[in-house]
PDB file of N, CA and C in Angstrom:
ATOM      1  N   MET A   1      13.920  23.262 -11.429  1.00  0.00           N
ATOM      2  CA  MET A   1      15.064  23.618 -10.723  1.00  0.00           C
ATOM      3  C   MET A   1      16.442  23.666 -11.631  1.00  0.00           C
ATOM      4  N   GLU A   2      16.838  24.847 -11.617  1.00  0.00           N
ATOM      5  CA  GLU A   2      18.046  25.180 -12.632  1.00  0.00           C
ATOM      6  C   GLU A   2      19.217  24.156 -11.930  1.00  0.00           C
ATOM      7  N   LEU A   3      20.310  23.873 -12.704  1.00  0.00           N
ATOM      8  CA  LEU A   3      21.544  23.151 -12.388  1.00  0.00           C
ATOM      9  C   LEU A   3      22.275  24.069 -11.320  1.00  0.00           C
ATOM     10  N   THR A   4      22.212  25.252 -11.560  1.00  0.00           N
ATOM     11  CA  THR A   4      23.023  26.247 -10.563  1.00  0.00           C
ATOM     12  C   THR A   4      22.383  26.251  -9.143  1.00  0.00           C
ATOM     13  N   SER A   5      21.229  26.295  -9.215  1.00  0.00           N
ATOM     14  CA  SER A   5      20.475  26.254  -7.906  1.00  0.00           C
ATOM     15  C   SER A   5      20.886  25.009  -6.814  1.00  0.00           C
ATOM     16  N   PHE A   6      20.759  23.572  -8.003  1.00  0.00           N
ATOM     17  CA  PHE A   6      21.225  22.610  -7.611  1.00  0.00           C
ATOM     18  C   PHE A   6      22.539  22.535  -6.774  1.00  0.00           C
ATOM     19  N   TYR A   7      23.158  23.367  -7.609  1.00  0.00           N
ATOM     20  CA  TYR A   7      24.843  23.288  -6.894  1.00  0.00           C
ATOM     21  C   TYR A   7      25.027  23.804  -5.784  1.00  0.00           C
ATOM     22  N   VAL A   8      24.058  25.028  -5.513  1.00  0.00           N
ATOM     23  CA  VAL A   8      23.879  25.832  -4.374  1.00  0.00           C
ATOM     24  C   VAL A   8      23.605  25.136  -3.309  1.00  0.00           C
ATOM     25  N   ILE A   9      22.582  24.245  -3.446  1.00  0.00           N
ATOM     26  CA  ILE A   9      21.614  23.565  -2.319  1.00  0.00           C
ATOM     27  C   ILE A   9      22.716  22.462  -1.723  1.00  0.00           C
ATOM     28  N   ILE A  10      23.606  21.818  -2.850  1.00  0.00           N
ATOM     29  CA  ILE A  10      24.793  21.043  -2.341  1.00  0.00           C
ATOM     30  C   ILE A  10      25.905  21.723  -1.771  1.00  0.00           C
ATOM     31  N   LEU A  11      26.188  22.783  -2.115  1.00  0.00           N
ATOM     32  CA  LEU A  11      27.245  23.879  -1.746  1.00  0.00           C
ATOM     33  C   LEU A  11      26.789  24.049   0.057  1.00  0.00           C
ATOM     34  N   VAL A  12      25.724  24.436   0.092  1.00  0.00           N
ATOM     35  CA  VAL A  12      25.187  24.796   1.392  1.00  0.00           C
ATOM     36  C   VAL A  12      24.989  23.738   2.440  1.00  0.00           C
ATOM     37  N   THR A  13      24.430  22.597   1.832  1.00  0.00           N
ATOM     38  CA  THR A  13      24.453  21.079   2.722  1.00  0.00           C
ATOM     39  C   THR A  13      25.831  20.929   3.161  1.00  0.00           C
ATOM     40  N   SER A  14      26.781  20.724   2.142  1.00  0.00           N
ATOM     41  CA  SER A  14      28.102  20.246   2.459  1.00  0.00           C
ATOM     42  C   SER A  14      28.708  21.372   3.474  1.00  0.00           C
ATOM     43  N   ALA A  15      28.632  22.563   3.572  1.00  0.00           N
ATOM     44  CA  ALA A  15      28.789  23.626   4.395  1.00  0.00           C
ATOM     45  C   ALA A  15      28.464  23.572   5.829  1.00  0.00           C
ATOM     46  N   PHE A  16      27.120  23.072   5.929  1.00  0.00           N
ATOM     47  CA  PHE A  16      26.459  22.686   7.292  1.00  0.00           C
ATOM     48  C   PHE A  16      26.980  21.545   7.840  1.00  0.00           C
ATOM     49  N   LEU A  17      27.167  20.259   6.917  1.00  0.00           N
ATOM     50  CA  LEU A  17      27.664  19.202   7.132  1.00  0.00           C
ATOM     51  C   LEU A  17      29.095  19.245   7.656  1.00  0.00           C
ATOM     52  N   VAL A  18      30.094  20.054   7.032  1.00  0.00           N
ATOM     53  CA  VAL A  18      31.330  20.104   7.835  1.00  0.00           C
ATOM     54  C   VAL A  18      31.354  20.965   9.294  1.00  0.00           C
ATOM     55  N   THR A  19      30.353  22.202   9.269  1.00  0.00           N
ATOM     56  CA  THR A  19      30.452  22.824  10.277  1.00  0.00           C
ATOM     57  C   THR A  19      29.545  22.279  11.383  1.00  0.00           C
ATOM     58  N   TYR A  20      28.482  21.793  11.264  1.00  0.00           N
ATOM     59  CA  TYR A  20      27.601  21.157  12.208  1.00  0.00           C
ATOM     60  C   TYR A  20      27.316  19.841  11.670  1.00  0.00           C
ATOM     61  N   PRO A  21      28.091  18.617  11.763  1.00  0.00           N
ATOM     62  CA  PRO A  21      27.758  17.376  10.935  1.00  0.00           C
ATOM     63  C   PRO A  21      26.448  16.686  11.845  1.00  0.00           C
ATOM     64  N   GLN A  22      26.435  16.583  13.283  1.00  0.00           N
ATOM     65  CA  GLN A  22      25.383  15.825  13.879  1.00  0.00           C
ATOM     66  C   GLN A  22      24.043  16.432  13.548  1.00  0.00           C
ATOM     67  N   GLN A  23      23.880  17.921  13.666  1.00  0.00           N
ATOM     68  CA  GLN A  23      22.638  18.495  13.628  1.00  0.00           C
ATOM     69  C   GLN A  23      22.208  18.518  11.849  1.00  0.00           C
ATOM     70  N   THR A  24      23.154  18.442  11.063  1.00  0.00           N
ATOM     71  CA  THR A  24      22.639  18.440   9.875  1.00  0.00           C
ATOM     72  C   THR A  24      22.432  17.040   9.574  1.00  0.00           C
ATOM     73  N   ILE A  25      23.112  15.940   9.854  1.00  0.00           N
ATOM     74  CA  ILE A  25      22.554  14.492   9.495  1.00  0.00           C
ATOM     75  C   ILE A  25      21.173  14.156  10.227  1.00  0.00           C
ATOM     76  N   ASN A  26      20.900  15.156  11.568  1.00  0.00           N
ATOM     77  CA  ASN A  26      19.737  14.549  12.191  1.00  0.00           C
ATOM     78  C   ASN A  26      18.561  15.402  11.481  1.00  0.00           C
ATOM     79  N   THR A  27      18.831  16.564  10.883  1.00  0.00           N
ATOM     80  CA  THR A  27      17.752  17.304  10.238  1.00  0.00           C
ATOM     81  C   THR A  27      17.447  16.831   8.823  1.00  0.00           C
ATOM     82  N   LEU A  28      18.358  16.286   8.153  1.00  0.00           N
ATOM     83  CA  LEU A  28      18.321  15.389   6.996  1.00  0.00           C
ATOM     84  C   LEU A  28      17.203  14.199   7.169  1.00  0.00           C
ATOM     85  N   VAL A  29      17.497  13.526   8.215  1.00  0.00           N
ATOM     86  CA  VAL A  29      17.185  12.251   8.609  1.00  0.00           C
ATOM     87  C   VAL A  29      15.660  12.813   9.032  1.00  0.00           C
ATOM     88  N   ALA A  30      15.492  13.535   9.583  1.00  0.00           N
ATOM     89  CA  ALA A  30      14.091  13.975   9.962  1.00  0.00           C
ATOM     90  C   ALA A  30      13.152  14.422   8.701  1.00  0.00           C
ATOM     91  N   VAL A  31      13.696  15.194   7.954  1.00  0.00           N
ATOM     92  CA  VAL A  31      12.981  15.383   6.716  1.00  0.00           C
ATOM     93  C   VAL A  31      12.522  14.544   5.767  1.00  0.00           C
ATOM     94  N   GLY A  32      13.486  13.552   5.818  1.00  0.00           N
ATOM     95  CA  GLY A  32      13.315  12.204   5.174  1.00  0.00           C
ATOM     96  C   GLY A  32      12.114  11.427   5.564  1.00  0.00           C
ATOM     97  N   LEU A  33      12.118  11.405   7.031  1.00  0.00           N
ATOM     98  CA  LEU A  33      11.154  10.404   7.577  1.00  0.00           C
ATOM     99  C   LEU A  33       9.844  11.200   7.405  1.00  0.00           C
ATOM    100  N   LYS A  34       9.871  12.549   7.324  1.00  0.00           N
ATOM    101  CA  LYS A  34       8.586  13.115   7.359  1.00  0.00           C
ATOM    102  C   LYS A  34       8.029  12.955   5.914  1.00  0.00           C
ATOM    103  N   LEU A  35       9.025  13.063   4.841  1.00  0.00           N
ATOM    104  CA  LEU A  35       8.479  12.737   3.425  1.00  0.00           C
ATOM    105  C   LEU A  35       7.961  11.522   3.172  1.00  0.00           C
ATOM    106  N   GLN A  36       8.413  10.581   3.805  1.00  0.00           N
ATOM    107  CA  GLN A  36       7.861   8.939   4.059  1.00  0.00           C
ATOM    108  C   GLN A  36       6.758   8.778   4.667  1.00  0.00           C
ATOM    109  N   ILE A  37       6.419   9.609   5.771  1.00  0.00           N
ATOM    110  CA  ILE A  37       5.189   9.389   6.384  1.00  0.00           C
ATOM    111  C   ILE A  37       4.118  10.119   5.765  1.00  0.00           C
ATOM    112  N   TYR A  38       4.373  11.152   5.055  1.00  0.00           N
ATOM    113  CA  TYR A  38       3.317  11.994   3.955  1.00  0.00           C
ATOM    114  C   TYR A  38       2.955  11.088   2.960  1.00  0.00           C
ATOM    115  N   TYR A  39       3.997  10.516   2.201  1.00  0.00           N
ATOM    116  CA  TYR A  39       3.775   9.751   0.905  1.00  0.00           C
ATOM    117  C   TYR A  39       2.973   8.321   1.484  1.00  0.00           C
ATOM    118  N   LEU A  40       3.536   7.832   2.468  1.00  0.00           N
ATOM    119  CA  LEU A  40       2.430   6.760   2.755  1.00  0.00           C
ATOM    120  C   LEU A  40       1.225   7.116   3.446  1.00  0.00           C
ATOM    121  N   ASN A  41       0.834   8.018   3.961  1.00  0.00           N
ATOM    122  CA  ASN A  41      -0.453   8.588   4.643  1.00  0.00           C
ATOM    123  C   ASN A  41      -1.272   8.840   3.144  1.00  0.00           C
ATOM    124  N   TYR A  42      -0.693   9.579   2.205  1.00  0.00           N
ATOM    125  CA  TYR A  42      -1.397   9.869   0.880  1.00  0.00           C
ATOM    126  C   TYR A  42      -1.706   8.689  -0.052  1.00  0.00           C
ATOM    127  N   ARG A  43      -1.194   7.815   0.249  1.00  0.00           N
ATOM    128  CA  ARG A  43      -1.089   6.446  -0.497  1.00  0.00           C
ATOM    129  C   ARG A  43      -2.084   5.801   0.286  1.00  0.00           C
ATOM    130  N   LEU A  44      -2.263   5.414   1.632  1.00  0.00           N
ATOM    131  CA  LEU A  44      -3.248   4.586   2.074  1.00  0.00           C
ATOM    132  C   LEU A  44      -4.788   5.497   1.768  1.00  0.00           C
ATOM    133  N   LYS A  45      -4.371   6.787   2.037  1.00  0.00           N
ATOM    134  CA  LYS A  45      -5.808   7.395   1.708  1.00  0.00           C
ATOM    135  C   LYS A  45      -6.553   7.362   0.376  1.00  0.00           C
ATOM    136  N   PHE A  46      -5.295   7.283  -0.693  1.00  0.00           N
ATOM    137  CA  PHE A  46      -6.134   6.916  -1.925  1.00  0.00           C
ATOM    138  C   PHE A  46      -6.390   5.490  -2.079  1.00  0.00           C
ATOM    139  N   MET A  47      -5.818   4.630  -1.686  1.00  0.00           N
ATOM    140  CA  MET A  47      -6.257   3.284  -1.674  1.00  0.00           C
ATOM    141  C   MET A  47      -7.823   3.103  -0.992  1.00  0.00           C
ATOM    142  N   ALA A  48      -7.751   3.611  -0.037  1.00  0.00           N
ATOM    143  CA  ALA A  48      -8.981   3.610   1.062  1.00  0.00           C
ATOM    144  C   ALA A  48     -10.083   3.842   0.299  1.00  0.00           C
ATOM    145  N   TRP A  49      -9.802   5.165  -0.514  1.00  0.00           N
ATOM    146  CA  TRP A  49     -11.081   5.850  -1.136  1.00  0.00           C
ATOM    147  C   TRP A  49     -11.264   4.945  -2.491  1.00  0.00           C
ATOM    148  N   ARG A  50     -10.406   4.475  -3.088  1.00  0.00           N
ATOM    149  CA  ARG A  50     -10.707   3.435  -4.055  1.00  0.00           C
ATOM    150  C   ARG A  50     -11.486   2.313  -3.831  1.00  0.00           C
ATOM    151  N   MET A  51     -11.093   1.460  -2.345  1.00  0.00           N
ATOM    152  CA  MET A  51     -11.713   0.434  -1.922  1.00  0.00           C
ATOM    153  C   MET A  51     -13.190   1.008  -1.462  1.00  0.00           C
ATOM    154  N   HIS A  52     -13.449   2.099  -1.134  1.00  0.00           N
ATOM    155  CA  HIS A  52     -14.710   2.245  -0.877  1.00  0.00           C
ATOM    156  C   HIS A  52     -15.766   2.581  -1.794  1.00  0.00           C
ATOM    157  N   GLY A  53     -14.941   2.918  -3.037  1.00  0.00           N
ATOM    158  CA  GLY A  53     -15.689   2.927  -4.077  1.00  0.00           C
ATOM    159  C   GLY A  53     -16.297   1.864  -4.616  1.00  0.00           C
ATOM    160  N   HIS A  54     -15.184   0.808  -4.586  1.00  0.00           N
ATOM    161  CA  HIS A  54     -15.561  -0.472  -5.080  1.00  0.00           C
ATOM    162  C   HIS A  54     -16.730  -1.205  -4.206  1.00  0.00           C
ATOM    163  N   LEU A  55     -16.574  -1.051  -2.653  1.00  0.00           N
ATOM    164  CA  LEU A  55     -17.439  -1.507  -1.919  1.00  0.00           C
ATOM    165  C   LEU A  55     -18.775  -0.606  -2.225  1.00  0.00           C
ATOM    166  N   THR A  56     -18.929   0.356  -2.295  1.00  0.00           N
ATOM    167  CA  THR A  56     -20.206   0.959  -2.513  1.00  0.00           C
ATOM    168  C   THR A  56     -20.810   0.550  -3.943  1.00  0.00           C
ATOM    169  N   ARG A  57     -20.030   0.378  -4.991  1.00  0.00           N
ATOM    170  CA  ARG A  57     -20.529  -0.206  -6.546  1.00  0.00           C
ATOM    171  C   ARG A  57     -21.039  -1.698  -5.916  1.00  0.00           C
ATOM    172  N   MET A  58     -20.154  -2.417  -5.284  1.00  0.00           N
ATOM    173  CA  MET A  58     -20.796  -3.816  -4.996  1.00  0.00           C
ATOM    174  C   MET A  58     -22.000  -3.958  -4.308  1.00  0.00           C
ATOM    175  N   CYS A  59     -22.148  -3.241  -3.203  1.00  0.00           N
ATOM    176  CA  CYS A  59     -23.293  -2.964  -2.302  1.00  0.00           C
ATOM    177  C   CYS A  59     -24.546  -2.684  -3.254  1.00  0.00           C
ATOM    178  N   LYS A  60     -24.214  -1.581  -4.258  1.00  0.00           N
ATOM    179  CA  LYS A  60     -25.371  -1.106  -5.116  1.00  0.00           C
ATOM    180  C   LYS A  60     -25.974  -2.265  -6.185  1.00  0.00           C
ATOM    181  N   GLU A  61     -25.083  -2.834  -6.655  1.00  0.00           N
ATOM    182  CA  GLU A  61     -25.178  -4.177  -7.634  1.00  0.00           C
ATOM    183  C   GLU A  61     -25.710  -5.054  -6.492  1.00  0.00           C
ATOM    184  N   SER A  62     -25.332  -5.469  -5.518  1.00  0.00           N
ATOM    185  CA  SER A  62     -26.149  -6.548  -4.737  1.00  0.00           C
ATOM    186  C   SER A  62     -27.497  -6.456  -4.199  1.00  0.00           C
ATOM    187  N   GLY A  63     -27.933  -4.900  -4.088  1.00  0.00           N
ATOM    188  CA  GLY A  63     -29.013  -4.694  -3.285  1.00  0.00           C
ATOM    189  C   GLY A  63     -28.984  -4.207  -1.720  1.00  0.00           C
ATOM    190  N   PHE A  64     -27.729  -4.251  -1.492  1.00  0.00           N
ATOM    191  CA  PHE A  64     -27.661  -3.754  -0.077  1.00  0.00           C
ATOM    192  C   PHE A  64     -27.486  -2.625  -0.008  1.00  0.00           C
ATOM    193  N   PRO A  65     -27.604  -1.932   1.107  1.00  0.00           N
ATOM    194  CA  PRO A  65     -27.506  -0.612   1.603  1.00  0.00           C
ATOM    195  C   PRO A  65     -26.045  -0.054   1.609  1.00  0.00           C
ATOM    196  N   ALA A  66     -25.880   1.091   0.800  1.00  0.00           N
ATOM    197  CA  ALA A  66     -24.677   1.771   0.631  1.00  0.00           C
ATOM    198  C   ALA A  66     -24.048   1.809   1.837  1.00  0.00           C
ATOM    199  N   PRO A  67     -22.681   1.728   2.139  1.00  0.00           N
ATOM    200  CA  PRO A  67     -21.785   2.152   3.381  1.00  0.00           C
ATOM    201  C   PRO A  67     -22.065   3.606   3.506  1.00  0.00           C
ATOM    202  N   GLY A  68     -21.367   4.044   4.417  1.00  0.00           N
ATOM    203  CA  GLY A  68     -21.603   5.466   5.223  1.00  0.00           C
ATOM    204  C   GLY A  68     -20.261   6.137   4.210  1.00  0.00           C
ATOM    205  N   PRO A  69     -20.404   7.595   4.243  1.00  0.00           N
ATOM    206  CA  PRO A  69     -19.537   8.323   3.645  1.00  0.00           C
ATOM    207  C   PRO A  69     -17.944   8.027   3.852  1.00  0.00           C
ATOM    208  N   PHE A  70     -17.204   8.123   2.927  1.00  0.00           N
ATOM    209  CA  PHE A  70     -15.787   7.906   2.922  1.00  0.00           C
ATOM    210  C   PHE A  70     -15.206   9.018   4.026  1.00  0.00           C
ATOM    211  N   ARG A  71     -14.573   8.073   5.076  1.00  0.00           N
ATOM    212  CA  ARG A  71     -14.005   9.134   6.164  1.00  0.00           C
ATOM    213  C   ARG A  71     -12.653   8.382   6.280  1.00  0.00           C
ATOM    214  N   PHE A  72     -11.527   9.159   6.265  1.00  0.00           N
ATOM    215  CA  PHE A  72     -10.191   8.578   6.505  1.00  0.00           C
ATOM    216  C   PHE A  72      -9.529   9.473   7.548  1.00  0.00           C
ATOM    217  N   VAL A  73      -8.885   8.950   8.372  1.00  0.00           N
ATOM    218  CA  VAL A  73      -8.187   9.660   9.598  1.00  0.00           C
ATOM    219  C   VAL A  73      -6.833   9.625   9.201  1.00  0.00           C
ATOM    220  N   ASP A  74      -5.970  10.758   9.123  1.00  0.00           N
ATOM    221  CA  ASP A  74      -4.565  10.855   8.763  1.00  0.00           C
ATOM    222  C   ASP A  74      -3.503  10.066  10.031  1.00  0.00           C
ATOM    223  N   LEU A  75      -2.710   9.525   9.316  1.00  0.00           N
ATOM    224  CA  LEU A  75      -1.821   8.490  10.571  1.00  0.00           C
ATOM    225  C   LEU A  75      -1.361   9.555  11.512  1.00  0.00           C
ATOM    226  N   TRP A  76      -1.095  10.716  11.600  1.00  0.00           N
ATOM    227  CA  TRP A  76      -0.744  11.365  12.578  1.00  0.00           C
ATOM    228  C   TRP A  76      -1.950  11.960  13.594  1.00  0.00           C
ATOM    229  N   ASP A  77      -2.981  11.613  13.332  1.00  0.00           N
ATOM    230  CA  ASP A  77      -4.321  11.842  14.010  1.00  0.00           C
ATOM    231  C   ASP A  77      -4.698  10.667  14.438  1.00  0.00           C
ATOM    232  N   ARG A  78      -4.031   9.330  14.552  1.00  0.00           N
ATOM    233  CA  ARG A  78      -4.580   8.181  15.050  1.00  0.00           C
ATOM    234  C   ARG A  78      -3.995   8.137  16.436  1.00  0.00           C
ATOM    235  N   THR A  79      -5.094   7.238  17.292  1.00  0.00           N
ATOM    236  CA  THR A  79      -4.284   7.053  18.574  1.00  0.00           C
ATOM    237  C   THR A  79      -4.837   5.670  19.006  1.00  0.00           C
ATOM    238  N   ARG A  80      -4.421   5.222  19.930  1.00  0.00           N
ATOM    239  CA  ARG A  80      -4.340   3.925  20.211  1.00  0.00           C
ATOM    240  C   ARG A  80      -5.952   3.629  20.555  1.00  0.00           C
TER     241      ARG A  80
END
């Protein structure tokens, strides 16, 4: 990203913040929370995939049957 485009983004955000303060803050908070959820989901998916690989390897070495295929349910698809 060029430096001038960064300044344009800051300028537009500042203009919206002055014109519509509450809506702009709500939008920025919502975008931030959405990014955090996506990061957390993909981190959990990666860690679960690694743990499944370790478990499969340990089962093979011990002579136990291998666990089922790796399956991960995204955070937003989980229910109670």
